[in-house]
């Protein structure tokens, strides 16, 4: 396929989305038996599991944001997709809007 400026613009229109930054709580788990103190320490460690993820929202439903870290053109334009539970999101903001 010959790639021209026109083809590139048309292909990019299909995947044009705002770039977002999502600050969210990642899940924490622990295996093994704990007393109350051990469980409290696990909750305290959860502070370390606040993460930032940047990319484009491919889709969104009632429960999740489907965030792609890479995107381009073609039949399979999205890569590194992560499902982020909306209930775990602390903040979400647009860091770059696509110009129309």
C-alpha atoms as a PDB file:
ATOM      1  CA  UNK A   1       0.000   0.000   0.000  1.00  0.00           C
ATOM      2  CA  UNK A   2       1.362   3.385  -0.974  1.00  0.00           C
ATOM      3  CA  UNK A   3       1.184   5.821   1.912  1.00  0.00           C
ATOM      4  CA  UNK A   4       0.344   9.350   0.914  1.00  0.00           C
ATOM      5  CA  UNK A   5      -0.363  12.412   3.031  1.00  0.00           C
ATOM      6  CA  UNK A   6      -4.072  11.940   2.310  1.00  0.00           C
ATOM      7  CA  UNK A   7      -3.997   8.279   3.409  1.00  0.00           C
ATOM      8  CA  UNK A   8      -2.142   9.195   6.598  1.00  0.00           C
ATOM      9  CA  UNK A   9      -4.659  11.920   7.516  1.00  0.00           C
ATOM     10  CA  UNK A  10      -7.620   9.601   6.866  1.00  0.00           C
ATOM     11  CA  UNK A  11      -6.071   6.795   8.915  1.00  0.00           C
ATOM     12  CA  UNK A  12      -5.202   9.110  11.806  1.00  0.00           C
ATOM     13  CA  UNK A  13      -8.772  10.454  11.923  1.00  0.00           C
ATOM     14  CA  UNK A  14      -9.932   6.928  12.827  1.00  0.00           C
ATOM     15  CA  UNK A  15      -7.748   6.840  15.946  1.00  0.00           C
ATOM     16  CA  UNK A  16      -7.779  10.519  16.916  1.00  0.00           C
ATOM     17  CA  UNK A  17      -8.370  10.838  20.626  1.00  0.00           C
ATOM     18  CA  UNK A  18      -7.358  13.096  23.495  1.00  0.00           C
ATOM     19  CA  UNK A  19      -4.313  12.019  25.484  1.00  0.00           C
ATOM     20  CA  UNK A  20      -5.231  11.530  29.137  1.00  0.00           C
ATOM     21  CA  UNK A  21      -3.414  11.035  32.412  1.00  0.00           C
ATOM     22  CA  UNK A  22      -5.159   8.808  34.953  1.00  0.00           C
ATOM     23  CA  UNK A  23      -4.086   8.682  38.607  1.00  0.00           C
ATOM     24  CA  UNK A  24      -5.478   5.494  40.120  1.00  0.00           C
ATOM     25  CA  UNK A  25      -5.159   2.955  42.919  1.00  0.00           C
ATOM     26  CA  UNK A  26      -3.686  -0.325  41.748  1.00  0.00           C
ATOM     27  CA  UNK A  27      -4.929  -3.446  43.530  1.00  0.00           C
ATOM     28  CA  UNK A  28      -2.830  -4.886  46.348  1.00  0.00           C
ATOM     29  CA  UNK A  29      -2.835  -8.486  47.443  1.00  0.00           C
ATOM     30  CA  UNK A  30      -1.016 -10.570  49.979  1.00  0.00           C
ATOM     31  CA  UNK A  31      -0.853 -14.295  50.542  1.00  0.00           C
ATOM     32  CA  UNK A  32      -0.339 -15.876  53.893  1.00  0.00           C
ATOM     33  CA  UNK A  33      -1.893 -15.574  57.290  1.00  0.00           C
ATOM     34  CA  UNK A  34      -1.886 -12.189  59.038  1.00  0.00           C
ATOM     35  CA  UNK A  35      -3.008 -10.738  62.301  1.00  0.00           C
ATOM     36  CA  UNK A  36      -4.714  -7.335  62.464  1.00  0.00           C
ATOM     37  CA  UNK A  37      -1.367  -5.539  62.601  1.00  0.00           C
ATOM     38  CA  UNK A  38      -0.179  -7.292  59.445  1.00  0.00           C
ATOM     39  CA  UNK A  39      -3.386  -6.336  57.641  1.00  0.00           C
ATOM     40  CA  UNK A  40      -3.003  -2.722  58.796  1.00  0.00           C
ATOM     41  CA  UNK A  41       0.538  -2.694  57.383  1.00  0.00           C
ATOM     42  CA  UNK A  42      -0.818  -3.960  54.056  1.00  0.00           C
ATOM     43  CA  UNK A  43      -3.274  -1.053  53.979  1.00  0.00           C
ATOM     44  CA  UNK A  44      -0.415   1.376  54.757  1.00  0.00           C
ATOM     45  CA  UNK A  45       1.671  -0.133  51.931  1.00  0.00           C
ATOM     46  CA  UNK A  46      -1.248   0.564  49.576  1.00  0.00           C
ATOM     47  CA  UNK A  47      -0.138   4.225  49.537  1.00  0.00           C
ATOM     48  CA  UNK A  48       2.709   3.014  47.328  1.00  0.00           C
ATOM     49  CA  UNK A  49       0.261   1.622  44.789  1.00  0.00           C
ATOM     50  CA  UNK A  50      -1.072   4.920  43.515  1.00  0.00           C
ATOM     51  CA  UNK A  51      -0.013   4.892  39.870  1.00  0.00           C
ATOM     52  CA  UNK A  52      -0.119   7.214  36.858  1.00  0.00           C
ATOM     53  CA  UNK A  53      -1.091   5.878  33.439  1.00  0.00           C
ATOM     54  CA  UNK A  54      -1.040   7.971  30.261  1.00  0.00           C
ATOM     55  CA  UNK A  55      -2.505   7.195  26.861  1.00  0.00           C
ATOM     56  CA  UNK A  56      -5.726   7.370  24.905  1.00  0.00           C
ATOM     57  CA  UNK A  57      -9.075   6.025  26.040  1.00  0.00           C
ATOM     58  CA  UNK A  58     -10.043   3.493  23.389  1.00  0.00           C
ATOM     59  CA  UNK A  59     -13.437   2.987  24.982  1.00  0.00           C
ATOM     60  CA  UNK A  60     -15.193   3.390  28.260  1.00  0.00           C
ATOM     61  CA  UNK A  61     -18.122   1.561  29.780  1.00  0.00           C
ATOM     62  CA  UNK A  62     -19.907   1.692  33.123  1.00  0.00           C
ATOM     63  CA  UNK A  63     -17.044   0.014  34.984  1.00  0.00           C
ATOM     64  CA  UNK A  64     -13.773   0.537  33.083  1.00  0.00           C
ATOM     65  CA  UNK A  65     -11.573   2.866  31.060  1.00  0.00           C
ATOM     66  CA  UNK A  66      -9.782   0.967  28.277  1.00  0.00           C
ATOM     67  CA  UNK A  67      -6.516   2.913  28.025  1.00  0.00           C
ATOM     68  CA  UNK A  68      -3.976   2.333  25.224  1.00  0.00           C
ATOM     69  CA  UNK A  69      -0.396   3.421  25.823  1.00  0.00           C
ATOM     70  CA  UNK A  70       0.447   3.274  22.111  1.00  0.00           C
ATOM     71  CA  UNK A  71      -1.706   3.992  19.083  1.00  0.00           C
ATOM     72  CA  UNK A  72      -1.205   4.413  15.379  1.00  0.00           C
ATOM     73  CA  UNK A  73      -2.792   3.468  12.067  1.00  0.00           C
ATOM     74  CA  UNK A  74      -3.974   0.281  10.404  1.00  0.00           C
ATOM     75  CA  UNK A  75      -6.336  -2.540  11.285  1.00  0.00           C
ATOM     76  CA  UNK A  76      -4.984  -2.968  14.829  1.00  0.00           C
ATOM     77  CA  UNK A  77      -4.033   0.559  15.892  1.00  0.00           C
ATOM     78  CA  UNK A  78      -3.917   0.107  19.702  1.00  0.00           C
ATOM     79  CA  UNK A  79      -1.188  -1.456  21.851  1.00  0.00           C
ATOM     80  CA  UNK A  80      -0.489  -1.803  25.595  1.00  0.00           C
ATOM     81  CA  UNK A  81      -4.163  -1.620  26.554  1.00  0.00           C
ATOM     82  CA  UNK A  82      -4.956  -1.644  30.264  1.00  0.00           C
ATOM     83  CA  UNK A  83      -8.417  -1.840  31.820  1.00  0.00           C
ATOM     84  CA  UNK A  84      -8.633   0.587  34.722  1.00  0.00           C
ATOM     85  CA  UNK A  85     -11.621   0.156  37.050  1.00  0.00           C
ATOM     86  CA  UNK A  86     -13.441   3.486  37.309  1.00  0.00           C
ATOM     87  CA  UNK A  87     -13.970   2.939  41.026  1.00  0.00           C
ATOM     88  CA  UNK A  88     -10.174   2.965  41.500  1.00  0.00           C
ATOM     89  CA  UNK A  89      -9.601   6.281  39.689  1.00  0.00           C
ATOM     90  CA  UNK A  90      -8.484   9.184  41.851  1.00  0.00           C
ATOM     91  CA  UNK A  91      -8.200  11.743  39.004  1.00  0.00           C
ATOM     92  CA  UNK A  92      -8.428  11.798  35.223  1.00  0.00           C
ATOM     93  CA  UNK A  93      -7.391  14.750  33.123  1.00  0.00           C
ATOM     94  CA  UNK A  94      -6.751  15.554  29.495  1.00  0.00           C
ATOM     95  CA  UNK A  95      -3.106  16.447  28.953  1.00  0.00           C
ATOM     96  CA  UNK A  96      -3.368  17.014  25.183  1.00  0.00           C
ATOM     97  CA  UNK A  97      -6.434  17.671  23.058  1.00  0.00           C
ATOM     98  CA  UNK A  98      -6.397  16.702  19.398  1.00  0.00           C
ATOM     99  CA  UNK A  99      -7.049  19.631  17.153  1.00  0.00           C
ATOM    100  CA  UNK A 100     -10.107  19.212  14.986  1.00  0.00           C
END
